[in-house]
């Protein structure tokens, strides 16, 4: 199915879930505000599943929907975004993104790998060591995998290991250990 059609289906399905939660009568024991909050949560999940919006856009829409529909006060809906942990996380992500985009982490990793012998065992330990050094600099596990995974695949190819062999898989797994 076409990606734009899938996004449209997700948009309509998510909006339908939200509209239904606003329009239907809640079951006994559940307040209307709670039903609306659940509806916005489920609608945002549908949008994320269908990749209608980026995850952060869907979650911010959910929090905004809670406030607009009266399901939660602003201080409650956006409380996660107003504490010190959130600010620390944003700062760490910004530093990690800057270091990654500049190529600094890749250069550090390659420099470390040059100090180890150009053998399977040497590069295995080199990837572990570079993972230990570069890992704490990148707060995102996905970003770590994207950076070090490409390097591990390149090393495997350079050493002449076919993709999918035990030797190649061992190098690829080494960066996870670090």
N, C-alpha and C. Protein backbone atom coordinates (compact mmCIF):
# COMPACT_ATOMS: atom_id res chain seq x y z
N UNK A 1 0.83 -1.17 0.00
CA UNK A 1 0.00 0.00 0.00
C UNK A 1 0.89 1.25 0.00
N UNK A 2 0.45 2.29 -0.65
CA UNK A 2 1.19 3.54 -0.74
C UNK A 2 1.37 4.16 0.64
N UNK A 3 2.56 4.73 0.88
CA UNK A 3 2.86 5.30 2.20
C UNK A 3 1.95 6.47 2.52
N UNK A 4 1.65 7.31 1.55
CA UNK A 4 0.78 8.46 1.81
C UNK A 4 -0.65 8.02 2.11
N UNK A 5 -1.09 6.93 1.50
CA UNK A 5 -2.42 6.39 1.80
C UNK A 5 -2.45 5.85 3.22
N UNK A 6 -1.37 5.16 3.62
CA UNK A 6 -1.29 4.63 4.99
C UNK A 6 -1.33 5.77 6.01
N UNK A 7 -0.64 6.86 5.71
CA UNK A 7 -0.66 8.01 6.63
C UNK A 7 -2.07 8.59 6.72
N UNK A 8 -2.76 8.65 5.59
CA UNK A 8 -4.12 9.18 5.59
C UNK A 8 -5.05 8.27 6.38
N UNK A 9 -4.90 6.96 6.20
CA UNK A 9 -5.70 6.00 6.96
C UNK A 9 -5.43 6.16 8.46
N UNK A 10 -4.16 6.31 8.82
CA UNK A 10 -3.80 6.52 10.22
C UNK A 10 -4.37 7.80 10.79
N UNK A 11 -4.33 8.87 9.99
CA UNK A 11 -4.89 10.15 10.43
C UNK A 11 -6.37 10.04 10.72
N UNK A 12 -7.09 9.41 9.79
CA UNK A 12 -8.55 9.26 9.94
C UNK A 12 -8.87 8.33 11.11
N UNK A 13 -8.15 7.22 11.22
CA UNK A 13 -8.41 6.26 12.30
C UNK A 13 -8.14 6.89 13.67
N UNK A 14 -7.02 7.59 13.79
CA UNK A 14 -6.70 8.24 15.06
C UNK A 14 -7.72 9.30 15.42
N UNK A 15 -8.12 10.11 14.43
CA UNK A 15 -9.13 11.15 14.68
C UNK A 15 -10.47 10.52 15.04
N UNK A 16 -10.80 9.39 14.43
CA UNK A 16 -12.06 8.71 14.74
C UNK A 16 -12.07 8.19 16.18
N UNK A 17 -10.94 7.67 16.63
CA UNK A 17 -10.85 7.19 18.01
C UNK A 17 -11.04 8.35 18.97
N UNK A 18 -10.39 9.47 18.67
CA UNK A 18 -10.52 10.65 19.54
C UNK A 18 -11.95 11.17 19.54
N UNK A 19 -12.54 11.28 18.36
CA UNK A 19 -13.92 11.77 18.25
C UNK A 19 -14.88 10.85 18.99
N UNK A 20 -14.68 9.55 18.86
CA UNK A 20 -15.56 8.60 19.55
C UNK A 20 -15.46 8.77 21.06
N UNK A 21 -14.24 8.99 21.56
CA UNK A 21 -14.07 9.14 23.01
C UNK A 21 -14.74 10.42 23.51
N UNK A 22 -14.81 11.42 22.68
CA UNK A 22 -15.45 12.67 23.07
C UNK A 22 -16.97 12.55 23.01
N UNK A 23 -17.49 11.81 22.02
CA UNK A 23 -18.92 11.77 21.77
C UNK A 23 -19.69 10.70 22.54
N UNK A 24 -19.05 9.59 22.86
CA UNK A 24 -19.80 8.51 23.52
C UNK A 24 -19.92 8.77 25.03
N UNK A 25 -20.91 8.14 25.60
CA UNK A 25 -21.13 8.23 27.05
C UNK A 25 -20.19 7.23 27.72
N UNK A 26 -19.46 7.69 28.72
CA UNK A 26 -18.51 6.77 29.37
C UNK A 26 -19.23 5.68 30.16
N UNK A 27 -18.62 4.51 30.26
CA UNK A 27 -19.22 3.46 31.07
C UNK A 27 -19.21 3.84 32.55
N UNK A 28 -20.02 3.14 33.32
CA UNK A 28 -20.14 3.44 34.75
C UNK A 28 -18.77 3.29 35.42
N UNK A 29 -18.43 4.27 36.25
CA UNK A 29 -17.17 4.24 36.97
C UNK A 29 -16.06 5.00 36.26
N UNK A 30 -16.31 5.49 35.06
CA UNK A 30 -15.31 6.23 34.30
C UNK A 30 -15.85 7.62 34.00
N UNK A 31 -15.09 8.64 34.30
CA UNK A 31 -15.55 10.00 34.02
C UNK A 31 -15.35 10.32 32.55
N UNK A 32 -16.07 11.33 32.09
CA UNK A 32 -15.93 11.75 30.69
C UNK A 32 -14.52 12.23 30.41
N UNK A 33 -13.92 12.95 31.37
CA UNK A 33 -12.55 13.45 31.20
C UNK A 33 -11.55 12.30 31.04
N UNK A 34 -11.74 11.25 31.83
CA UNK A 34 -10.85 10.10 31.74
C UNK A 34 -11.01 9.40 30.39
N UNK A 35 -12.25 9.29 29.90
CA UNK A 35 -12.48 8.66 28.60
C UNK A 35 -11.84 9.48 27.49
N UNK A 36 -11.96 10.80 27.58
CA UNK A 36 -11.34 11.67 26.56
C UNK A 36 -9.82 11.53 26.61
N UNK A 37 -9.24 11.46 27.81
CA UNK A 37 -7.79 11.29 27.93
C UNK A 37 -7.35 9.97 27.31
N UNK A 38 -8.09 8.91 27.57
CA UNK A 38 -7.79 7.60 26.98
C UNK A 38 -7.93 7.66 25.46
N UNK A 39 -8.97 8.35 24.98
CA UNK A 39 -9.16 8.48 23.54
C UNK A 39 -8.01 9.19 22.87
N UNK A 40 -7.53 10.29 23.48
CA UNK A 40 -6.38 11.00 22.91
C UNK A 40 -5.13 10.12 22.93
N UNK A 41 -4.94 9.35 24.00
CA UNK A 41 -3.79 8.45 24.08
C UNK A 41 -3.86 7.40 22.97
N UNK A 42 -5.02 6.77 22.81
CA UNK A 42 -5.17 5.75 21.77
C UNK A 42 -5.04 6.36 20.37
N UNK A 43 -5.58 7.56 20.17
CA UNK A 43 -5.44 8.24 18.88
C UNK A 43 -3.99 8.52 18.56
N UNK A 44 -3.23 8.97 19.55
CA UNK A 44 -1.80 9.24 19.33
C UNK A 44 -1.05 7.95 19.02
N UNK A 45 -1.42 6.86 19.67
CA UNK A 45 -0.78 5.57 19.39
C UNK A 45 -1.07 5.13 17.96
N UNK A 46 -2.31 5.31 17.52
CA UNK A 46 -2.66 4.97 16.13
C UNK A 46 -1.82 5.81 15.16
N UNK A 47 -1.67 7.11 15.45
CA UNK A 47 -0.86 7.97 14.58
C UNK A 47 0.59 7.51 14.52
N UNK A 48 1.11 7.03 15.65
CA UNK A 48 2.49 6.54 15.66
C UNK A 48 2.61 5.21 14.91
N UNK A 49 1.62 4.34 15.06
CA UNK A 49 1.67 3.05 14.38
C UNK A 49 1.64 3.24 12.86
N UNK A 50 0.79 4.13 12.40
CA UNK A 50 0.67 4.37 10.96
C UNK A 50 1.70 5.38 10.46
N UNK A 51 2.58 5.86 11.35
CA UNK A 51 3.61 6.82 11.00
C UNK A 51 3.00 8.08 10.36
N UNK A 52 1.83 8.47 10.88
CA UNK A 52 1.14 9.66 10.38
C UNK A 52 1.94 10.90 10.73
N UNK A 53 2.40 10.97 11.97
CA UNK A 53 3.22 12.07 12.45
C UNK A 53 4.45 11.48 13.12
N UNK A 54 5.46 12.32 13.30
CA UNK A 54 6.59 11.91 14.13
C UNK A 54 6.07 11.63 15.53
N UNK A 55 6.76 10.77 16.27
CA UNK A 55 6.30 10.39 17.60
C UNK A 55 6.13 11.59 18.53
N UNK A 56 7.10 12.49 18.48
CA UNK A 56 7.01 13.63 19.40
C UNK A 56 5.84 14.54 19.04
N UNK A 57 5.49 14.65 17.76
CA UNK A 57 4.35 15.47 17.34
C UNK A 57 3.05 14.83 17.84
N UNK A 58 2.95 13.51 17.71
CA UNK A 58 1.75 12.81 18.19
C UNK A 58 1.59 12.98 19.70
N UNK A 59 2.69 12.88 20.44
CA UNK A 59 2.61 13.02 21.90
C UNK A 59 2.29 14.45 22.31
N UNK A 60 2.86 15.43 21.63
CA UNK A 60 2.52 16.82 21.95
C UNK A 60 1.07 17.12 21.57
N UNK A 61 0.58 16.53 20.48
CA UNK A 61 -0.82 16.69 20.12
C UNK A 61 -1.72 16.08 21.19
N UNK A 62 -1.30 14.93 21.71
CA UNK A 62 -2.08 14.29 22.77
C UNK A 62 -2.16 15.18 24.01
N UNK A 63 -1.01 15.70 24.44
CA UNK A 63 -1.00 16.57 25.63
C UNK A 63 -1.84 17.82 25.38
N UNK A 64 -1.72 18.39 24.19
CA UNK A 64 -2.51 19.58 23.86
C UNK A 64 -4.00 19.23 23.82
N UNK A 65 -4.34 18.07 23.28
CA UNK A 65 -5.73 17.63 23.24
C UNK A 65 -6.31 17.46 24.63
N UNK A 66 -5.52 16.93 25.55
CA UNK A 66 -5.98 16.81 26.93
C UNK A 66 -6.37 18.17 27.49
N UNK A 67 -5.53 19.17 27.22
CA UNK A 67 -5.79 20.51 27.77
C UNK A 67 -7.00 21.13 27.08
N UNK A 68 -7.04 21.09 25.75
CA UNK A 68 -8.14 21.71 24.99
C UNK A 68 -9.48 21.08 25.34
N UNK A 69 -9.51 19.77 25.50
CA UNK A 69 -10.77 19.08 25.79
C UNK A 69 -11.10 19.06 27.29
N UNK A 70 -10.25 19.62 28.11
CA UNK A 70 -10.52 19.68 29.54
C UNK A 70 -10.29 18.38 30.28
N UNK A 71 -9.55 17.44 29.68
CA UNK A 71 -9.28 16.17 30.35
C UNK A 71 -8.21 16.31 31.42
N UNK A 72 -7.34 17.29 31.28
CA UNK A 72 -6.27 17.51 32.26
C UNK A 72 -5.85 18.97 32.21
N UNK A 73 -5.49 19.53 33.36
CA UNK A 73 -4.99 20.91 33.35
C UNK A 73 -3.60 20.97 32.70
N UNK A 74 -3.23 22.13 32.24
CA UNK A 74 -1.94 22.31 31.55
C UNK A 74 -0.78 21.84 32.40
N UNK A 75 -0.79 22.18 33.67
CA UNK A 75 0.32 21.80 34.56
C UNK A 75 0.48 20.29 34.66
N UNK A 76 -0.61 19.56 34.57
CA UNK A 76 -0.55 18.10 34.64
C UNK A 76 -0.16 17.51 33.28
N UNK A 77 -0.80 17.98 32.22
CA UNK A 77 -0.56 17.43 30.89
C UNK A 77 0.89 17.61 30.44
N UNK A 78 1.48 18.75 30.77
CA UNK A 78 2.84 19.04 30.32
C UNK A 78 3.86 18.98 31.45
N UNK A 79 3.53 18.31 32.56
CA UNK A 79 4.43 18.28 33.71
C UNK A 79 5.77 17.61 33.38
N UNK A 80 5.76 16.64 32.50
CA UNK A 80 7.00 15.96 32.12
C UNK A 80 8.00 16.93 31.49
N UNK A 81 7.50 17.93 30.79
CA UNK A 81 8.37 18.84 30.07
C UNK A 81 8.85 20.01 30.92
N UNK A 82 8.53 20.02 32.20
CA UNK A 82 8.89 21.18 33.02
C UNK A 82 9.83 20.84 34.17
N UNK A 83 10.39 19.65 34.18
CA UNK A 83 11.28 19.31 35.29
C UNK A 83 12.73 19.29 34.83
N UNK A 84 13.64 19.16 35.77
CA UNK A 84 15.07 19.20 35.47
C UNK A 84 15.53 18.02 34.63
N UNK A 85 14.92 16.86 34.81
CA UNK A 85 15.30 15.68 34.04
C UNK A 85 15.07 15.91 32.55
N UNK A 86 13.94 16.51 32.22
CA UNK A 86 13.63 16.79 30.82
C UNK A 86 14.67 17.73 30.21
N UNK A 87 15.01 18.78 30.93
CA UNK A 87 16.00 19.74 30.42
C UNK A 87 17.36 19.09 30.26
N UNK A 88 17.74 18.22 31.18
CA UNK A 88 19.00 17.50 31.08
C UNK A 88 19.00 16.57 29.87
N UNK A 89 17.89 15.89 29.63
CA UNK A 89 17.77 14.99 28.50
C UNK A 89 17.86 15.75 27.19
N UNK A 90 17.19 16.88 27.08
CA UNK A 90 17.26 17.68 25.85
C UNK A 90 18.69 18.14 25.60
N UNK A 91 19.36 18.59 26.65
CA UNK A 91 20.76 19.00 26.50
C UNK A 91 21.65 17.86 26.06
N UNK A 92 21.48 16.69 26.66
CA UNK A 92 22.29 15.53 26.29
C UNK A 92 22.03 15.11 24.84
N UNK A 93 20.76 15.14 24.43
CA UNK A 93 20.44 14.79 23.05
C UNK A 93 21.05 15.79 22.07
N UNK A 94 21.04 17.07 22.43
CA UNK A 94 21.62 18.09 21.55
C UNK A 94 23.12 17.89 21.42
N UNK A 95 23.79 17.62 22.52
CA UNK A 95 25.23 17.39 22.46
C UNK A 95 25.55 16.14 21.65
N UNK A 96 24.79 15.06 21.90
CA UNK A 96 25.00 13.82 21.15
C UNK A 96 24.76 14.00 19.66
N UNK A 97 23.71 14.73 19.31
CA UNK A 97 23.41 14.97 17.89
C UNK A 97 24.51 15.81 17.24
N UNK A 98 24.98 16.83 17.95
CA UNK A 98 26.04 17.67 17.41
C UNK A 98 27.33 16.89 17.20
N UNK A 99 27.69 16.06 18.17
CA UNK A 99 28.91 15.26 18.04
C UNK A 99 28.78 14.24 16.92
N UNK A 100 27.60 13.68 16.77
CA UNK A 100 27.37 12.69 15.73
C UNK A 100 27.39 13.32 14.34
N UNK A 101 26.69 14.44 14.17
CA UNK A 101 26.60 15.10 12.87
C UNK A 101 27.95 15.66 12.43
N UNK A 102 28.77 16.08 13.38
CA UNK A 102 30.07 16.65 13.02
C UNK A 102 31.07 15.58 12.61
N UNK A 103 30.79 14.33 12.91
CA UNK A 103 31.70 13.25 12.57
C UNK A 103 32.73 13.00 13.67
N UNK A 104 32.63 13.72 14.77
CA UNK A 104 33.59 13.59 15.86
C UNK A 104 33.59 12.17 16.43
N UNK A 105 32.42 11.61 16.67
CA UNK A 105 32.35 10.27 17.26
C UNK A 105 32.91 9.22 16.31
N UNK A 106 32.64 9.39 15.04
CA UNK A 106 33.17 8.44 14.05
C UNK A 106 34.69 8.52 14.00
N UNK A 107 35.24 9.74 14.08
CA UNK A 107 36.70 9.90 14.06
C UNK A 107 37.32 9.31 15.33
N UNK A 108 36.67 9.50 16.48
CA UNK A 108 37.18 8.92 17.73
C UNK A 108 37.20 7.40 17.63
N UNK A 109 36.12 6.84 17.11
CA UNK A 109 36.02 5.38 16.98
C UNK A 109 37.09 4.85 16.05
N UNK A 110 37.25 5.48 14.89
CA UNK A 110 38.25 5.00 13.93
C UNK A 110 39.67 5.16 14.47
N UNK A 111 39.92 6.23 15.20
CA UNK A 111 41.23 6.43 15.82
C UNK A 111 41.52 5.33 16.83
N UNK A 112 40.52 4.97 17.62
CA UNK A 112 40.71 3.89 18.59
C UNK A 112 40.94 2.55 17.90
N UNK A 113 40.21 2.31 16.81
CA UNK A 113 40.36 1.04 16.11
C UNK A 113 41.74 0.89 15.48
N UNK A 114 42.37 2.02 15.11
CA UNK A 114 43.70 1.97 14.51
C UNK A 114 44.75 1.49 15.51
N UNK A 115 44.48 1.65 16.80
CA UNK A 115 45.46 1.23 17.81
C UNK A 115 45.43 -0.29 18.05
N UNK A 116 44.43 -0.96 17.54
CA UNK A 116 44.33 -2.41 17.72
C UNK A 116 44.78 -3.10 16.43
N UNK A 117 45.27 -4.33 16.53
CA UNK A 117 45.72 -5.04 15.32
C UNK A 117 44.58 -5.26 14.33
N UNK A 118 44.92 -5.35 13.06
CA UNK A 118 43.92 -5.52 11.99
C UNK A 118 43.54 -6.99 11.82
N UNK A 119 43.24 -7.63 12.92
CA UNK A 119 42.77 -9.01 12.91
C UNK A 119 41.36 -9.03 13.48
N UNK A 120 40.72 -10.17 13.34
CA UNK A 120 39.36 -10.28 13.87
C UNK A 120 39.35 -10.01 15.37
N UNK A 121 40.25 -10.65 16.09
CA UNK A 121 40.30 -10.50 17.54
C UNK A 121 40.66 -9.05 17.93
N UNK A 122 41.60 -8.47 17.23
CA UNK A 122 42.01 -7.10 17.53
C UNK A 122 40.88 -6.11 17.29
N UNK A 123 40.20 -6.24 16.17
CA UNK A 123 39.10 -5.31 15.87
C UNK A 123 37.90 -5.56 16.77
N UNK A 124 37.73 -6.81 17.20
CA UNK A 124 36.66 -7.14 18.14
C UNK A 124 36.87 -6.34 19.43
N UNK A 125 38.07 -6.43 19.97
CA UNK A 125 38.36 -5.68 21.20
C UNK A 125 38.38 -4.17 20.95
N UNK A 126 38.77 -3.77 19.76
CA UNK A 126 38.74 -2.35 19.41
C UNK A 126 37.32 -1.80 19.40
N UNK A 127 36.38 -2.58 18.86
CA UNK A 127 34.99 -2.15 18.85
C UNK A 127 34.42 -2.09 20.27
N UNK A 128 34.80 -3.03 21.11
CA UNK A 128 34.35 -2.98 22.50
C UNK A 128 34.89 -1.72 23.17
N UNK A 129 36.18 -1.46 22.99
CA UNK A 129 36.80 -0.28 23.61
C UNK A 129 36.19 1.01 23.09
N UNK A 130 35.98 1.10 21.78
CA UNK A 130 35.39 2.33 21.23
C UNK A 130 33.95 2.48 21.69
N UNK A 131 33.23 1.38 21.87
CA UNK A 131 31.88 1.45 22.40
C UNK A 131 31.87 1.98 23.83
N UNK A 132 32.87 1.59 24.61
CA UNK A 132 32.97 2.07 25.98
C UNK A 132 33.27 3.57 26.04
N UNK A 133 34.05 4.06 25.07
CA UNK A 133 34.40 5.48 25.06
C UNK A 133 33.30 6.32 24.44
N UNK A 134 32.78 5.88 23.29
CA UNK A 134 31.79 6.66 22.55
C UNK A 134 30.40 6.50 23.15
N UNK A 135 30.09 5.34 23.73
CA UNK A 135 28.77 5.07 24.27
C UNK A 135 28.21 6.12 25.21
N UNK A 136 28.95 6.52 26.22
CA UNK A 136 28.41 7.53 27.14
C UNK A 136 28.20 8.91 26.50
N UNK A 137 28.84 9.15 25.36
CA UNK A 137 28.69 10.45 24.70
C UNK A 137 27.40 10.55 23.91
N UNK A 138 26.77 9.40 23.63
CA UNK A 138 25.54 9.39 22.84
C UNK A 138 24.41 8.86 23.71
N UNK A 139 23.42 9.68 24.03
CA UNK A 139 22.34 9.22 24.91
C UNK A 139 21.37 8.25 24.22
N UNK A 140 21.34 8.24 22.91
CA UNK A 140 20.37 7.43 22.17
C UNK A 140 20.99 6.11 21.75
N UNK A 141 20.36 5.00 22.13
CA UNK A 141 20.82 3.68 21.72
C UNK A 141 20.73 3.52 20.21
N UNK A 142 19.71 4.09 19.61
CA UNK A 142 19.56 4.01 18.16
C UNK A 142 20.71 4.71 17.45
N UNK A 143 21.10 5.87 17.94
CA UNK A 143 22.21 6.60 17.33
C UNK A 143 23.52 5.83 17.49
N UNK A 144 23.72 5.21 18.65
CA UNK A 144 24.92 4.39 18.86
C UNK A 144 24.97 3.26 17.84
N UNK A 145 23.84 2.60 17.68
CA UNK A 145 23.77 1.50 16.72
C UNK A 145 24.03 1.96 15.30
N UNK A 146 23.50 3.12 14.94
CA UNK A 146 23.69 3.64 13.59
C UNK A 146 25.15 3.98 13.31
N UNK A 147 25.82 4.55 14.30
CA UNK A 147 27.22 4.95 14.10
C UNK A 147 28.14 3.75 14.13
N UNK A 148 28.10 2.99 15.22
CA UNK A 148 29.04 1.88 15.39
C UNK A 148 28.68 0.68 14.52
N UNK A 149 27.40 0.50 14.20
CA UNK A 149 27.01 -0.62 13.34
C UNK A 149 27.60 -0.50 11.94
N UNK A 150 27.61 0.71 11.39
CA UNK A 150 28.20 0.93 10.07
C UNK A 150 29.70 0.68 10.11
N UNK A 151 30.34 1.12 11.19
CA UNK A 151 31.79 0.90 11.31
C UNK A 151 32.09 -0.58 11.43
N UNK A 152 31.30 -1.31 12.21
CA UNK A 152 31.51 -2.76 12.36
C UNK A 152 31.34 -3.47 11.02
N UNK A 153 30.34 -3.08 10.24
CA UNK A 153 30.13 -3.69 8.93
C UNK A 153 31.29 -3.38 7.99
N UNK A 154 31.81 -2.16 8.03
CA UNK A 154 32.93 -1.78 7.18
C UNK A 154 34.19 -2.56 7.55
N UNK A 155 34.42 -2.72 8.84
CA UNK A 155 35.59 -3.48 9.29
C UNK A 155 35.46 -4.93 8.83
N UNK A 156 34.27 -5.48 8.97
CA UNK A 156 34.03 -6.86 8.54
C UNK A 156 34.31 -7.02 7.05
N UNK A 157 33.84 -6.08 6.25
CA UNK A 157 34.08 -6.13 4.81
C UNK A 157 35.57 -5.99 4.50
N UNK A 158 36.25 -5.08 5.19
CA UNK A 158 37.67 -4.84 4.94
C UNK A 158 38.51 -6.07 5.30
N UNK A 159 38.13 -6.75 6.36
CA UNK A 159 38.87 -7.96 6.75
C UNK A 159 38.51 -9.16 5.89
N UNK A 160 37.55 -9.00 4.99
CA UNK A 160 37.20 -10.06 4.04
C UNK A 160 36.18 -11.06 4.55
N UNK A 161 35.45 -10.72 5.58
CA UNK A 161 34.43 -11.63 6.10
C UNK A 161 33.13 -11.41 5.34
N UNK A 162 32.51 -12.51 4.93
CA UNK A 162 31.21 -12.39 4.26
C UNK A 162 30.15 -12.02 5.26
N UNK A 163 29.16 -11.26 4.80
CA UNK A 163 28.05 -10.86 5.67
C UNK A 163 27.28 -12.11 6.10
N UNK A 164 26.91 -12.15 7.36
CA UNK A 164 26.13 -13.27 7.90
C UNK A 164 26.97 -14.40 8.46
N UNK A 165 28.29 -14.33 8.31
CA UNK A 165 29.13 -15.39 8.88
C UNK A 165 29.32 -15.13 10.37
N UNK A 166 29.87 -16.13 11.06
CA UNK A 166 30.10 -15.99 12.50
C UNK A 166 31.09 -14.86 12.80
N UNK A 167 32.11 -14.74 11.97
CA UNK A 167 33.12 -13.70 12.20
C UNK A 167 32.50 -12.31 12.04
N UNK A 168 31.69 -12.16 11.00
CA UNK A 168 31.02 -10.87 10.77
C UNK A 168 30.04 -10.56 11.88
N UNK A 169 29.29 -11.55 12.28
CA UNK A 169 28.31 -11.36 13.36
C UNK A 169 29.03 -11.04 14.68
N UNK A 170 30.19 -11.63 14.91
CA UNK A 170 30.95 -11.37 16.12
C UNK A 170 31.40 -9.92 16.19
N UNK A 171 31.87 -9.38 15.05
CA UNK A 171 32.26 -7.97 15.03
C UNK A 171 31.05 -7.07 15.23
N UNK A 172 29.95 -7.44 14.61
CA UNK A 172 28.75 -6.62 14.76
C UNK A 172 28.26 -6.63 16.19
N UNK A 173 28.36 -7.78 16.87
CA UNK A 173 27.91 -7.87 18.26
C UNK A 173 28.87 -7.19 19.23
N UNK A 174 30.13 -7.01 18.83
CA UNK A 174 31.13 -6.42 19.73
C UNK A 174 30.77 -5.01 20.12
N UNK A 175 30.21 -4.23 19.20
CA UNK A 175 29.89 -2.85 19.57
C UNK A 175 28.73 -2.79 20.55
N UNK A 176 27.87 -3.82 20.58
CA UNK A 176 26.79 -3.85 21.58
C UNK A 176 27.38 -4.07 22.98
N UNK A 177 28.43 -4.87 23.06
CA UNK A 177 29.05 -5.13 24.36
C UNK A 177 29.60 -3.84 24.93
N UNK A 178 30.27 -3.06 24.09
CA UNK A 178 30.83 -1.78 24.55
C UNK A 178 29.75 -0.82 24.94
